[in-house]
Amino acid sequence: MFDCRIVLDAARVTASLGRLPTEHPCATPWRLQGAAEAAVRDALAPPDRTAIEHLRAGMLPWLVVGTGMDLRALPETPTGFEPVPDPAWWPLAWLTVGLMSLAGARIVSYACENDGAAFVNLVALPPSEVGAQFAEKSTREMRGHTDGAAFPFPSEFARGGEDHSPAPDLLVLVGLRNPGGTPTRLAPVTKALEHLTDEEVAALEGPHFNIGAQRTFRGVRPRVGSPLLSRDEPDGLAFRFSHRSVRAAEDAPEAAASALARLEEALPGLYEDVVIGPGDVCLVRNRLVVHGRGAPGEGCGGATRWLLRTYGWVAATIGHRDPAAAAHVHL
């Protein structure tokens, strides 16, 4: 078990709220990142700052920050990905931007996913809007994956020829409602690799895998003949994975297929259940942690589960800047 949770002092958080930006968090969060960071820094006690520094340095795979913010003014849970205009969630979103900045990351979003919104809702979806299959999926348990698995590693992007920008370094989940205590399931990649042979780990580093795109990312082509594991990244080790979308290529060595099989066998026993409650901000190192979700259950809207999600990049990660391209990342 990792000791990956801190709880901020309520008085410090309250004192910082008046200095947070007041604009819509999806407008230009990167321009106000410095102001958000300054406000949040003053809300942290020395042990809190140490924990965030440990996350920044790669000493923690994830960190849950309990802010204790009052969210009683929230509207009903939305029934779509797009952010709602009600300002009740904005202070917590700006606090999240500040925490990310202190953790060494700036907020990013992909124009090919939910129109590039900096924050999106993770909620149960109605069949009338997304179809029966996708609606049912939003209420079921979600198997483990890393976000943006079909996007390049930073080292691949740096070599050129990539249509899309690198996958996020940081996955950030923000709790607004979670009445059933649905867990987010997190498994450190290093623990999973311990269950593989040396030959299987070596196979993960070879061009032996085909990776399908995440369903919410539109117009993204699968990666063909790519590795799942890299040791040449700015933060060292990097991994990408999806139970649903990763397959060994037809000409891959036997060790590649057995590595996938062993990972799928090992991961269920490695997950730690992390309940992201109202006011919690969970910062996850996306290249070092496989994440999934328990079943939120039936029903949508009303007072059902409502999380926000955003992404971050560390300073060394760069991507496309063309706002007309599907691969554009808002920086």
C-alpha atoms as a PDB file:
ATOM      1  CA  MET A   1       0.000   0.000   0.000  1.00  0.00           C
ATOM      2  CA  PHE A   2       1.201   3.504  -0.851  1.00  0.00           C
ATOM      3  CA  ASP A   3       0.661   6.404   1.566  1.00  0.00           C
ATOM      4  CA  CYS A   4      -0.665   8.677  -1.149  1.00  0.00           C
ATOM      5  CA  ARG A   5      -3.264  10.913   0.523  1.00  0.00           C
ATOM      6  CA  ILE A   6      -3.011  14.281   2.202  1.00  0.00           C
ATOM      7  CA  VAL A   7      -5.802  16.406   3.687  1.00  0.00           C
ATOM      8  CA  LEU A   8      -5.427  20.161   3.514  1.00  0.00           C
ATOM      9  CA  ASP A   9      -6.218  22.429   6.442  1.00  0.00           C
ATOM     10  CA  ALA A  10      -9.730  23.823   5.936  1.00  0.00           C
ATOM     11  CA  ALA A  11      -8.839  27.296   7.208  1.00  0.00           C
ATOM     12  CA  ARG A  12      -5.875  27.539   4.831  1.00  0.00           C
ATOM     13  CA  VAL A  13      -8.031  26.450   1.877  1.00  0.00           C
ATOM     14  CA  THR A  14     -10.757  28.959   2.736  1.00  0.00           C
ATOM     15  CA  ALA A  15      -8.207  31.764   2.990  1.00  0.00           C
ATOM     16  CA  SER A  16      -6.824  30.921  -0.452  1.00  0.00           C
ATOM     17  CA  LEU A  17     -10.160  30.896  -2.287  1.00  0.00           C
ATOM     18  CA  GLY A  18     -10.367  34.658  -2.681  1.00  0.00           C
ATOM     19  CA  ARG A  19      -7.058  34.711  -4.555  1.00  0.00           C
ATOM     20  CA  LEU A  20      -7.943  32.019  -7.081  1.00  0.00           C
ATOM     21  CA  PRO A  21      -8.847  33.103 -10.632  1.00  0.00           C
ATOM     22  CA  THR A  22     -12.566  33.654 -11.227  1.00  0.00           C
ATOM     23  CA  GLU A  23     -12.757  33.035 -14.983  1.00  0.00           C
ATOM     24  CA  HIS A  24     -14.235  29.876 -16.473  1.00  0.00           C
ATOM     25  CA  PRO A  25     -11.525  27.207 -15.977  1.00  0.00           C
ATOM     26  CA  CYS A  26     -11.919  25.993 -19.555  1.00  0.00           C
ATOM     27  CA  ALA A  27     -11.282  29.425 -21.069  1.00  0.00           C
ATOM     28  CA  THR A  28      -7.521  29.942 -20.754  1.00  0.00           C
ATOM     29  CA  PRO A  29      -6.309  27.987 -17.715  1.00  0.00           C
ATOM     30  CA  TRP A  30      -2.685  28.019 -18.875  1.00  0.00           C
ATOM     31  CA  ARG A  31      -2.592  31.839 -18.783  1.00  0.00           C
ATOM     32  CA  LEU A  32      -3.717  31.910 -15.147  1.00  0.00           C
ATOM     33  CA  GLN A  33      -1.712  28.922 -13.971  1.00  0.00           C
ATOM     34  CA  GLY A  34       0.754  31.123 -12.083  1.00  0.00           C
ATOM     35  CA  ALA A  35      -1.996  32.892 -10.148  1.00  0.00           C
ATOM     36  CA  ALA A  36      -3.612  29.576  -9.271  1.00  0.00           C
ATOM     37  CA  GLU A  37      -0.290  28.129  -8.127  1.00  0.00           C
ATOM     38  CA  ALA A  38       0.435  31.124  -5.884  1.00  0.00           C
ATOM     39  CA  ALA A  39      -2.966  30.858  -4.191  1.00  0.00           C
ATOM     40  CA  VAL A  40      -2.689  27.115  -3.672  1.00  0.00           C
ATOM     41  CA  ARG A  41       0.870  27.275  -2.367  1.00  0.00           C
ATOM     42  CA  ASP A  42      -0.313  29.316   0.612  1.00  0.00           C
ATOM     43  CA  ALA A  43      -3.000  26.713   1.353  1.00  0.00           C
ATOM     44  CA  LEU A  44      -0.386  23.990   1.875  1.00  0.00           C
ATOM     45  CA  ALA A  45       1.274  23.124   5.156  1.00  0.00           C
ATOM     46  CA  PRO A  46       4.930  21.971   4.971  1.00  0.00           C
ATOM     47  CA  PRO A  47       4.025  18.230   4.968  1.00  0.00           C
ATOM     48  CA  ASP A  48       1.591  18.856   2.092  1.00  0.00           C
ATOM     49  CA  ARG A  49       4.313  20.555   0.051  1.00  0.00           C
ATOM     50  CA  THR A  50       6.653  17.652   0.718  1.00  0.00           C
ATOM     51  CA  ALA A  51       4.079  15.151  -0.589  1.00  0.00           C
ATOM     52  CA  ILE A  52       3.582  17.151  -3.778  1.00  0.00           C
ATOM     53  CA  GLU A  53       7.349  17.402  -4.257  1.00  0.00           C
ATOM     54  CA  HIS A  54       7.544  13.615  -3.913  1.00  0.00           C
ATOM     55  CA  LEU A  55       4.923  13.239  -6.652  1.00  0.00           C
ATOM     56  CA  ARG A  56       6.812  15.716  -8.819  1.00  0.00           C
ATOM     57  CA  ALA A  57      10.073  13.803  -8.319  1.00  0.00           C
ATOM     58  CA  GLY A  58       8.489  10.471  -9.236  1.00  0.00           C
ATOM     59  CA  MET A  59       8.656   9.112  -5.690  1.00  0.00           C
ATOM     60  CA  LEU A  60       4.869   8.648  -5.588  1.00  0.00           C
ATOM     61  CA  PRO A  61       2.793   7.028  -8.367  1.00  0.00           C
ATOM     62  CA  TRP A  62      -0.260   9.085  -7.416  1.00  0.00           C
ATOM     63  CA  LEU A  63      -1.450  11.520  -4.774  1.00  0.00           C
ATOM     64  CA  VAL A  64      -4.959  12.260  -3.496  1.00  0.00           C
ATOM     65  CA  VAL A  65      -5.391  15.745  -2.059  1.00  0.00           C
ATOM     66  CA  GLY A  66      -8.430  16.234   0.171  1.00  0.00           C
ATOM     67  CA  THR A  67      -9.395  19.908  -0.070  1.00  0.00           C
ATOM     68  CA  GLY A  68     -12.573  19.818   2.037  1.00  0.00           C
ATOM     69  CA  MET A  69     -14.172  22.388  -0.256  1.00  0.00           C
ATOM     70  CA  ASP A  70     -17.878  23.104   0.171  1.00  0.00           C
ATOM     71  CA  LEU A  71     -19.678  21.810  -2.928  1.00  0.00           C
ATOM     72  CA  ARG A  72     -23.272  22.059  -1.736  1.00  0.00           C
ATOM     73  CA  ALA A  73     -24.074  24.665  -4.402  1.00  0.00           C
ATOM     74  CA  LEU A  74     -23.397  22.251  -7.261  1.00  0.00           C
ATOM     75  CA  PRO A  75     -26.141  21.818  -9.859  1.00  0.00           C
ATOM     76  CA  GLU A  76     -27.500  18.395 -10.742  1.00  0.00           C
ATOM     77  CA  THR A  77     -25.002  15.971 -12.192  1.00  0.00           C
ATOM     78  CA  PRO A  78     -24.760  16.588 -15.956  1.00  0.00           C
ATOM     79  CA  THR A  79     -25.409  13.878 -18.526  1.00  0.00           C
ATOM     80  CA  GLY A  80     -22.634  14.673 -20.980  1.00  0.00           C
ATOM     81  CA  PHE A  81     -18.874  15.167 -21.215  1.00  0.00           C
ATOM     82  CA  GLU A  82     -18.960  18.906 -21.926  1.00  0.00           C
ATOM     83  CA  PRO A  83     -18.306  21.237 -18.949  1.00  0.00           C
ATOM     84  CA  VAL A  84     -21.341  22.958 -17.453  1.00  0.00           C
ATOM     85  CA  PRO A  85     -21.479  26.786 -17.212  1.00  0.00           C
ATOM     86  CA  ASP A  86     -22.511  26.820 -13.532  1.00  0.00           C
ATOM     87  CA  PRO A  87     -19.606  28.391 -11.563  1.00  0.00           C
ATOM     88  CA  ALA A  88     -20.036  26.206  -8.463  1.00  0.00           C
ATOM     89  CA  TRP A  89     -17.230  23.866  -9.602  1.00  0.00           C
ATOM     90  CA  TRP A  90     -14.825  26.558 -10.788  1.00  0.00           C
ATOM     91  CA  PRO A  91     -12.917  27.197  -7.513  1.00  0.00           C
ATOM     92  CA  LEU A  92     -12.083  23.503  -7.147  1.00  0.00           C
ATOM     93  CA  ALA A  93     -10.988  23.384 -10.786  1.00  0.00           C
ATOM     94  CA  TRP A  94      -8.654  26.362 -10.268  1.00  0.00           C
ATOM     95  CA  LEU A  95      -7.306  24.772  -7.117  1.00  0.00           C
ATOM     96  CA  THR A  96      -6.600  21.708  -9.270  1.00  0.00           C
ATOM     97  CA  VAL A  97      -4.693  23.824 -11.813  1.00  0.00           C
ATOM     98  CA  GLY A  98      -2.581  25.201  -8.967  1.00  0.00           C
ATOM     99  CA  LEU A  99      -1.870  21.752  -7.540  1.00  0.00           C
ATOM    100  CA  MET A 100      -0.849  20.507 -10.978  1.00  0.00           C
ATOM    101  CA  SER A 101       1.524  23.427 -11.398  1.00  0.00           C
ATOM    102  CA  LEU A 102       3.137  22.728  -8.030  1.00  0.00           C
ATOM    103  CA  ALA A 103       3.520  19.111  -9.171  1.00  0.00           C
ATOM    104  CA  GLY A 104       5.478  20.326 -12.204  1.00  0.00           C
ATOM    105  CA  ALA A 105       2.729  20.015 -14.815  1.00  0.00           C
ATOM    106  CA  ARG A 106       0.753  22.427 -16.958  1.00  0.00           C
ATOM    107  CA  ILE A 107      -2.768  21.657 -18.059  1.00  0.00           C
ATOM    108  CA  VAL A 108      -3.251  20.294 -21.573  1.00  0.00           C
ATOM    109  CA  SER A 109      -6.187  19.103 -23.666  1.00  0.00           C
ATOM    110  CA  TYR A 110      -6.592  17.467 -27.057  1.00  0.00           C
ATOM    111  CA  ALA A 111      -8.711  19.077 -29.759  1.00  0.00           C
ATOM    112  CA  CYS A 112      -9.669  15.610 -31.034  1.00  0.00           C
ATOM    113  CA  GLU A 113     -11.329  14.779 -27.706  1.00  0.00           C
ATOM    114  CA  ASN A 114     -14.414  16.634 -26.453  1.00  0.00           C
ATOM    115  CA  ASP A 115     -13.515  19.694 -28.561  1.00  0.00           C
ATOM    116  CA  GLY A 116     -10.378  20.331 -26.534  1.00  0.00           C
ATOM    117  CA  ALA A 117     -12.167  21.163 -23.267  1.00  0.00           C
ATOM    118  CA  ALA A 118      -9.653  21.565 -20.445  1.00  0.00           C
ATOM    119  CA  PHE A 119     -12.025  19.850 -17.996  1.00  0.00           C
ATOM    120  CA  VAL A 120     -14.589  17.202 -18.929  1.00  0.00           C
ATOM    121  CA  ASN A 121     -17.239  15.392 -16.912  1.00  0.00           C
ATOM    122  CA  LEU A 122     -16.965  11.718 -16.028  1.00  0.00           C
ATOM    123  CA  VAL A 123     -20.599  10.787 -15.489  1.00  0.00           C
ATOM    124  CA  ALA A 124     -23.166   8.160 -16.418  1.00  0.00           C
ATOM    125  CA  LEU A 125     -24.520   8.861 -19.900  1.00  0.00           C
ATOM    126  CA  PRO A 126     -28.131   8.444 -21.140  1.00  0.00           C
ATOM    127  CA  PRO A 127     -28.805   6.036 -24.048  1.00  0.00           C
ATOM    128  CA  SER A 128     -30.787   8.729 -25.861  1.00  0.00           C
ATOM    129  CA  GLU A 129     -27.611  10.795 -26.322  1.00  0.00           C
ATOM    130  CA  VAL A 130     -24.814   8.253 -26.795  1.00  0.00           C
ATOM    131  CA  GLY A 131     -26.542   4.988 -27.699  1.00  0.00           C
ATOM    132  CA  ALA A 132     -27.298   1.966 -25.558  1.00  0.00           C
ATOM    133  CA  GLN A 133     -23.853   0.358 -25.724  1.00  0.00           C
ATOM    134  CA  PHE A 134     -21.852   3.425 -24.695  1.00  0.00           C
ATOM    135  CA  ALA A 135     -24.429   4.358 -22.042  1.00  0.00           C
ATOM    136  CA  GLU A 136     -24.189   0.902 -20.476  1.00  0.00           C
ATOM    137  CA  LYS A 137     -20.392   1.134 -20.542  1.00  0.00           C
ATOM    138  CA  SER A 138     -20.535   4.371 -18.521  1.00  0.00           C
ATOM    139  CA  THR A 139     -22.278   2.542 -15.658  1.00  0.00           C
ATOM    140  CA  ARG A 140     -20.117  -0.595 -15.644  1.00  0.00           C
ATOM    141  CA  GLU A 141     -16.754  -1.426 -14.189  1.00  0.00           C
ATOM    142  CA  MET A 142     -13.911  -0.103 -16.347  1.00  0.00           C
ATOM    143  CA  ARG A 143     -10.874  -2.289 -16.968  1.00  0.00           C
ATOM    144  CA  GLY A 144      -7.337  -0.990 -16.590  1.00  0.00           C
ATOM    145  CA  HIS A 145      -5.625   1.287 -19.097  1.00  0.00           C
ATOM    146  CA  THR A 146      -3.432   4.342 -19.472  1.00  0.00           C
ATOM    147  CA  ASP A 147      -5.028   7.356 -21.131  1.00  0.00           C
ATOM    148  CA  GLY A 148      -4.019   8.200 -24.694  1.00  0.00           C
ATOM    149  CA  ALA A 149      -2.375   4.810 -25.213  1.00  0.00           C
ATOM    150  CA  ALA A 150      -2.393   5.251 -29.006  1.00  0.00           C
ATOM    151  CA  PHE A 151      -0.551   8.566 -28.742  1.00  0.00           C
ATOM    152  CA  PRO A 152       3.257   8.653 -28.954  1.00  0.00           C
ATOM    153  CA  PHE A 153       5.743   8.625 -26.126  1.00  0.00           C
ATOM    154  CA  PRO A 154       7.598  11.974 -25.908  1.00  0.00           C
ATOM    155  CA  SER A 155      10.715  10.319 -27.360  1.00  0.00           C
ATOM    156  CA  GLU A 156       8.715   9.077 -30.380  1.00  0.00           C
ATOM    157  CA  PHE A 157       7.258  12.547 -30.949  1.00  0.00           C
ATOM    158  CA  ALA A 158      10.736  14.088 -30.742  1.00  0.00           C
ATOM    159  CA  ARG A 159      11.932  11.839 -33.581  1.00  0.00           C
ATOM    160  CA  GLY A 160       9.309  13.405 -35.872  1.00  0.00           C
ATOM    161  CA  GLY A 161       6.631  12.077 -38.201  1.00  0.00           C
ATOM    162  CA  GLU A 162       3.902  11.819 -35.563  1.00  0.00           C
ATOM    163  CA  ASP A 163       0.381  12.989 -36.402  1.00  0.00           C
ATOM    164  CA  HIS A 164      -0.570  13.401 -32.765  1.00  0.00           C
ATOM    165  CA  SER A 165       0.938  14.907 -29.679  1.00  0.00           C
ATOM    166  CA  PRO A 166       2.195  12.743 -26.807  1.00  0.00           C
ATOM    167  CA  ALA A 167      -0.166  11.176 -24.308  1.00  0.00           C
ATOM    168  CA  PRO A 168      -0.619  12.984 -20.979  1.00  0.00           C
ATOM    169  CA  ASP A 169       2.038  12.683 -18.294  1.00  0.00           C
ATOM    170  CA  LEU A 170      -0.518  13.386 -15.596  1.00  0.00           C
ATOM    171  CA  LEU A 171      -4.122  12.204 -15.340  1.00  0.00           C
ATOM    172  CA  VAL A 172      -6.106  14.277 -12.845  1.00  0.00           C
ATOM    173  CA  LEU A 173      -9.493  13.271 -11.430  1.00  0.00           C
ATOM    174  CA  VAL A 174     -11.512  15.760  -9.391  1.00  0.00           C
ATOM    175  CA  GLY A 175     -14.315  14.605  -7.102  1.00  0.00           C
ATOM    176  CA  LEU A 176     -17.603  16.507  -7.142  1.00  0.00           C
ATOM    177  CA  ARG A 177     -20.004  13.699  -6.169  1.00  0.00           C
ATOM    178  CA  ASN A 178     -19.522  10.032  -5.378  1.00  0.00           C
ATOM    179  CA  PRO A 179     -22.526   8.917  -3.330  1.00  0.00           C
ATOM    180  CA  GLY A 180     -21.840   5.196  -3.714  1.00  0.00           C
ATOM    181  CA  GLY A 181     -18.130   5.469  -3.015  1.00  0.00           C
ATOM    182  CA  THR A 182     -17.240   4.039  -6.442  1.00  0.00           C
ATOM    183  CA  PRO A 183     -13.503   3.302  -6.345  1.00  0.00           C
ATOM    184  CA  THR A 184     -10.915   4.370  -8.860  1.00  0.00           C
ATOM    185  CA  ARG A 185      -8.511   1.434  -9.225  1.00  0.00           C
ATOM    186  CA  LEU A 186      -4.800   2.190  -9.474  1.00  0.00           C
ATOM    187  CA  ALA A 187      -1.892  -0.204 -10.062  1.00  0.00           C
ATOM    188  CA  PRO A 188       1.773   0.875 -10.273  1.00  0.00           C
ATOM    189  CA  VAL A 189       3.438  -0.313 -13.471  1.00  0.00           C
ATOM    190  CA  THR A 190       6.609  -1.278 -11.590  1.00  0.00           C
ATOM    191  CA  LYS A 191       4.630  -3.791  -9.528  1.00  0.00           C
ATOM    192  CA  ALA A 192       3.064  -5.277 -12.663  1.00  0.00           C
ATOM    193  CA  LEU A 193       6.441  -5.696 -14.371  1.00  0.00           C
ATOM    194  CA  GLU A 194       7.670  -7.771 -11.427  1.00  0.00           C
ATOM    195  CA  HIS A 195       5.284 -10.519 -12.581  1.00  0.00           C
ATOM    196  CA  LEU A 196       6.965 -10.805 -16.005  1.00  0.00           C
ATOM    197  CA  THR A 197      10.102 -12.642 -17.030  1.00  0.00           C
ATOM    198  CA  ASP A 198      13.105 -10.685 -18.311  1.00  0.00           C
ATOM    199  CA  GLU A 199      12.307 -11.907 -21.813  1.00  0.00           C
ATOM    200  CA  GLU A 200       8.724 -10.660 -21.545  1.00  0.00           C
ATOM    201  CA  VAL A 201       9.811  -7.250 -20.252  1.00  0.00           C
ATOM    202  CA  ALA A 202      12.250  -6.991 -23.158  1.00  0.00           C
ATOM    203  CA  ALA A 203       9.422  -7.854 -25.564  1.00  0.00           C
ATOM    204  CA  LEU A 204       7.359  -4.940 -24.204  1.00  0.00           C
ATOM    205  CA  GLU A 205      10.156  -2.618 -25.339  1.00  0.00           C
ATOM    206  CA  GLY A 206      10.087  -3.935 -28.907  1.00  0.00           C
ATOM    207  CA  PRO A 207       7.872  -2.916 -31.877  1.00  0.00           C
ATOM    208  CA  HIS A 208       5.538  -5.838 -31.306  1.00  0.00           C
ATOM    209  CA  PHE A 209       2.143  -4.327 -30.438  1.00  0.00           C
ATOM    210  CA  ASN A 210      -0.847  -2.734 -32.147  1.00  0.00           C
ATOM    211  CA  ILE A 211      -2.685  -0.135 -30.064  1.00  0.00           C
ATOM    212  CA  GLY A 212      -6.229   1.006 -30.805  1.00  0.00           C
ATOM    213  CA  ALA A 213      -7.417   4.529 -30.046  1.00  0.00           C
ATOM    214  CA  GLN A 214      -9.433   5.471 -26.978  1.00  0.00           C
ATOM    215  CA  ARG A 215     -13.090   5.759 -27.971  1.00  0.00           C
ATOM    216  CA  THR A 216     -13.460   9.384 -26.916  1.00  0.00           C
ATOM    217  CA  PHE A 217     -10.550  10.450 -29.159  1.00  0.00           C
ATOM    218  CA  ARG A 218     -11.871  11.026 -32.678  1.00  0.00           C
ATOM    219  CA  GLY A 219      -9.862  10.553 -35.853  1.00  0.00           C
ATOM    220  CA  VAL A 220      -6.917   8.906 -34.121  1.00  0.00           C
ATOM    221  CA  ARG A 221      -5.349   6.071 -36.093  1.00  0.00           C
ATOM    222  CA  PRO A 222      -4.136   2.938 -34.303  1.00  0.00           C
ATOM    223  CA  ARG A 223      -0.441   2.610 -33.588  1.00  0.00           C
ATOM    224  CA  VAL A 224       0.968  -0.396 -35.429  1.00  0.00           C
ATOM    225  CA  GLY A 225       4.185  -2.169 -34.519  1.00  0.00           C
ATOM    226  CA  SER A 226       4.923  -0.110 -31.420  1.00  0.00           C
ATOM    227  CA  PRO A 227       6.417  -0.810 -27.979  1.00  0.00           C
ATOM    228  CA  LEU A 228       4.422  -0.610 -24.766  1.00  0.00           C
ATOM    229  CA  LEU A 229       7.400   0.193 -22.566  1.00  0.00           C
ATOM    230  CA  SER A 230      10.092   2.856 -22.959  1.00  0.00           C
ATOM    231  CA  ARG A 231      13.068   3.803 -20.814  1.00  0.00           C
ATOM    232  CA  ASP A 232      14.045   6.833 -22.937  1.00  0.00           C
ATOM    233  CA  GLU A 233      11.538   9.363 -21.632  1.00  0.00           C
ATOM    234  CA  PRO A 234      12.102  12.621 -19.711  1.00  0.00           C
ATOM    235  CA  ASP A 235      10.792  10.994 -16.535  1.00  0.00           C
ATOM    236  CA  GLY A 236      12.527   7.669 -17.180  1.00  0.00           C
ATOM    237  CA  LEU A 237      10.229   4.653 -17.400  1.00  0.00           C
ATOM    238  CA  ALA A 238       7.015   5.029 -19.411  1.00  0.00           C
ATOM    239  CA  PHE A 239       4.256   2.507 -20.138  1.00  0.00           C
ATOM    240  CA  ARG A 240       1.062   2.470 -22.206  1.00  0.00           C
ATOM    241  CA  PHE A 241      -1.632  -0.157 -22.004  1.00  0.00           C
ATOM    242  CA  SER A 242      -5.283  -1.002 -22.501  1.00  0.00           C
ATOM    243  CA  HIS A 243      -7.020  -4.308 -21.837  1.00  0.00           C
ATOM    244  CA  ARG A 244      -9.417  -3.550 -24.701  1.00  0.00           C
ATOM    245  CA  SER A 245      -7.178  -1.935 -27.294  1.00  0.00           C
ATOM    246  CA  VAL A 246      -3.703  -3.519 -27.128  1.00  0.00           C
ATOM    247  CA  ARG A 247      -2.853  -6.686 -29.060  1.00  0.00           C
ATOM    248  CA  ALA A 248       0.388  -8.409 -29.985  1.00  0.00           C
ATOM    249  CA  ALA A 249       1.144  -8.085 -33.706  1.00  0.00           C
ATOM    250  CA  GLU A 250       0.863 -11.207 -35.853  1.00  0.00           C
ATOM    251  CA  ASP A 251       4.621 -11.402 -36.349  1.00  0.00           C
ATOM    252  CA  ALA A 252       5.459 -10.642 -32.715  1.00  0.00           C
ATOM    253  CA  PRO A 253       7.595 -13.097 -30.734  1.00  0.00           C
ATOM    254  CA  GLU A 254       5.839 -15.441 -28.340  1.00  0.00           C
ATOM    255  CA  ALA A 255       7.164 -13.414 -25.409  1.00  0.00           C
ATOM    256  CA  ALA A 256       5.059 -10.422 -26.499  1.00  0.00           C
ATOM    257  CA  ALA A 257       1.792 -12.351 -26.309  1.00  0.00           C
ATOM    258  CA  SER A 258       2.778 -14.018 -23.047  1.00  0.00           C
ATOM    259  CA  ALA A 259       3.706 -10.612 -21.580  1.00  0.00           C
ATOM    260  CA  LEU A 260       0.191  -9.334 -22.296  1.00  0.00           C
ATOM    261  CA  ALA A 261      -1.368 -12.469 -20.855  1.00  0.00           C
ATOM    262  CA  ARG A 262       0.725 -12.212 -17.710  1.00  0.00           C
ATOM    263  CA  LEU A 263      -0.140  -8.529 -17.283  1.00  0.00           C
ATOM    264  CA  GLU A 264      -3.850  -9.226 -17.603  1.00  0.00           C
ATOM    265  CA  GLU A 265      -3.513 -11.992 -15.043  1.00  0.00           C
ATOM    266  CA  ALA A 266      -1.475  -9.917 -12.571  1.00  0.00           C
ATOM    267  CA  LEU A 267      -3.216  -6.540 -12.662  1.00  0.00           C
ATOM    268  CA  PRO A 268      -6.477  -7.466 -10.852  1.00  0.00           C
ATOM    269  CA  GLY A 269      -4.463  -8.408  -7.780  1.00  0.00           C
ATOM    270  CA  LEU A 270      -2.405  -5.216  -7.857  1.00  0.00           C
ATOM    271  CA  TYR A 271      -5.112  -2.569  -7.921  1.00  0.00           C
ATOM    272  CA  GLU A 272      -5.577  -0.318  -4.937  1.00  0.00           C
ATOM    273  CA  ASP A 273      -9.113   1.013  -4.557  1.00  0.00           C
ATOM    274  CA  VAL A 274      -9.028   4.789  -4.124  1.00  0.00           C
ATOM    275  CA  VAL A 275     -12.337   6.500  -3.403  1.00  0.00           C
ATOM    276  CA  ILE A 276     -12.317  10.026  -4.815  1.00  0.00           C
ATOM    277  CA  GLY A 277     -14.835  11.866  -2.677  1.00  0.00           C
ATOM    278  CA  PRO A 278     -16.285  15.373  -3.015  1.00  0.00           C
ATOM    279  CA  GLY A 279     -13.469  17.913  -2.938  1.00  0.00           C
ATOM    280  CA  ASP A 280     -10.716  15.357  -3.576  1.00  0.00           C
ATOM    281  CA  VAL A 281      -8.127  15.895  -6.313  1.00  0.00           C
ATOM    282  CA  CYS A 282      -6.356  12.726  -7.473  1.00  0.00           C
ATOM    283  CA  LEU A 283      -3.144  13.294  -9.456  1.00  0.00           C
ATOM    284  CA  VAL A 284      -1.987  10.133 -11.252  1.00  0.00           C
ATOM    285  CA  ARG A 285       1.260   9.620 -13.170  1.00  0.00           C
ATOM    286  CA  ASN A 286      -0.350   8.339 -16.361  1.00  0.00           C
ATOM    287  CA  ARG A 287       2.774   6.634 -17.764  1.00  0.00           C
ATOM    288  CA  LEU A 288       3.500   4.819 -14.499  1.00  0.00           C
ATOM    289  CA  VAL A 289       0.030   3.753 -13.325  1.00  0.00           C
ATOM    290  CA  VAL A 290      -2.669   1.590 -14.896  1.00  0.00           C
ATOM    291  CA  HIS A 291      -6.082   2.858 -13.809  1.00  0.00           C
ATOM    292  CA  GLY A 292      -9.619   1.509 -13.922  1.00  0.00           C
ATOM    293  CA  ARG A 293     -12.909   1.998 -12.100  1.00  0.00           C
ATOM    294  CA  GLY A 294     -15.498   0.120 -10.111  1.00  0.00           C
ATOM    295  CA  ALA A 295     -19.096   0.079 -11.373  1.00  0.00           C
ATOM    296  CA  PRO A 296     -20.877   3.405 -10.667  1.00  0.00           C
ATOM    297  CA  GLY A 297     -24.256   1.686 -10.943  1.00  0.00           C
ATOM    298  CA  GLU A 298     -27.485   2.570 -12.686  1.00  0.00           C
ATOM    299  CA  GLY A 299     -28.960   6.018 -13.105  1.00  0.00           C
ATOM    300  CA  CYS A 300     -27.687   9.311 -14.459  1.00  0.00           C
ATOM    301  CA  GLY A 301     -28.124  12.975 -13.660  1.00  0.00           C
ATOM    302  CA  GLY A 302     -29.572  14.041 -10.327  1.00  0.00           C
ATOM    303  CA  ALA A 303     -27.120  13.367  -7.495  1.00  0.00           C
ATOM    304  CA  THR A 304     -25.238  10.515  -9.207  1.00  0.00           C
ATOM    305  CA  ARG A 305     -21.447  10.232  -9.398  1.00  0.00           C
ATOM    306  CA  TRP A 306     -19.699  13.224 -10.950  1.00  0.00           C
ATOM    307  CA  LEU A 307     -15.969  13.544 -11.453  1.00  0.00           C
ATOM    308  CA  LEU A 308     -14.017  16.022 -13.543  1.00  0.00           C
ATOM    309  CA  ARG A 309     -10.997  14.958 -15.565  1.00  0.00           C
ATOM    310  CA  THR A 310      -8.093  16.942 -16.919  1.00  0.00           C
ATOM    311  CA  TYR A 311      -4.598  16.199 -18.194  1.00  0.00           C
ATOM    312  CA  GLY A 312      -1.135  17.593 -17.586  1.00  0.00           C
ATOM    313  CA  TRP A 313       2.290  17.608 -19.186  1.00  0.00           C
ATOM    314  CA  VAL A 314       5.621  18.032 -17.441  1.00  0.00           C
ATOM    315  CA  ALA A 315       7.942  20.772 -18.691  1.00  0.00           C
ATOM    316  CA  ALA A 316       9.965  18.510 -20.994  1.00  0.00           C
ATOM    317  CA  THR A 317       6.929  17.223 -22.941  1.00  0.00           C
ATOM    318  CA  ILE A 318       6.029  19.129 -26.107  1.00  0.00           C
ATOM    319  CA  GLY A 319       3.452  18.606 -28.834  1.00  0.00           C
ATOM    320  CA  HIS A 320       1.787  20.091 -31.912  1.00  0.00           C
ATOM    321  CA  ARG A 321       0.676  23.710 -31.659  1.00  0.00           C
ATOM    322  CA  ASP A 322      -1.495  24.057 -34.774  1.00  0.00           C
ATOM    323  CA  PRO A 323      -4.991  24.979 -33.490  1.00  0.00           C
ATOM    324  CA  ALA A 324      -6.557  23.796 -36.750  1.00  0.00           C
ATOM    325  CA  ALA A 325      -5.252  20.244 -36.350  1.00  0.00           C
ATOM    326  CA  ALA A 326      -7.007  17.415 -34.545  1.00  0.00           C
ATOM    327  CA  ALA A 327      -3.770  16.767 -32.709  1.00  0.00           C
ATOM    328  CA  HIS A 328      -3.509  20.309 -31.347  1.00  0.00           C
ATOM    329  CA  VAL A 329      -2.893  20.513 -27.640  1.00  0.00           C
ATOM    330  CA  HIS A 330      -3.983  23.558 -25.684  1.00  0.00           C
ATOM    331  CA  LEU A 331      -0.953  24.783 -23.722  1.00  0.00           C
END
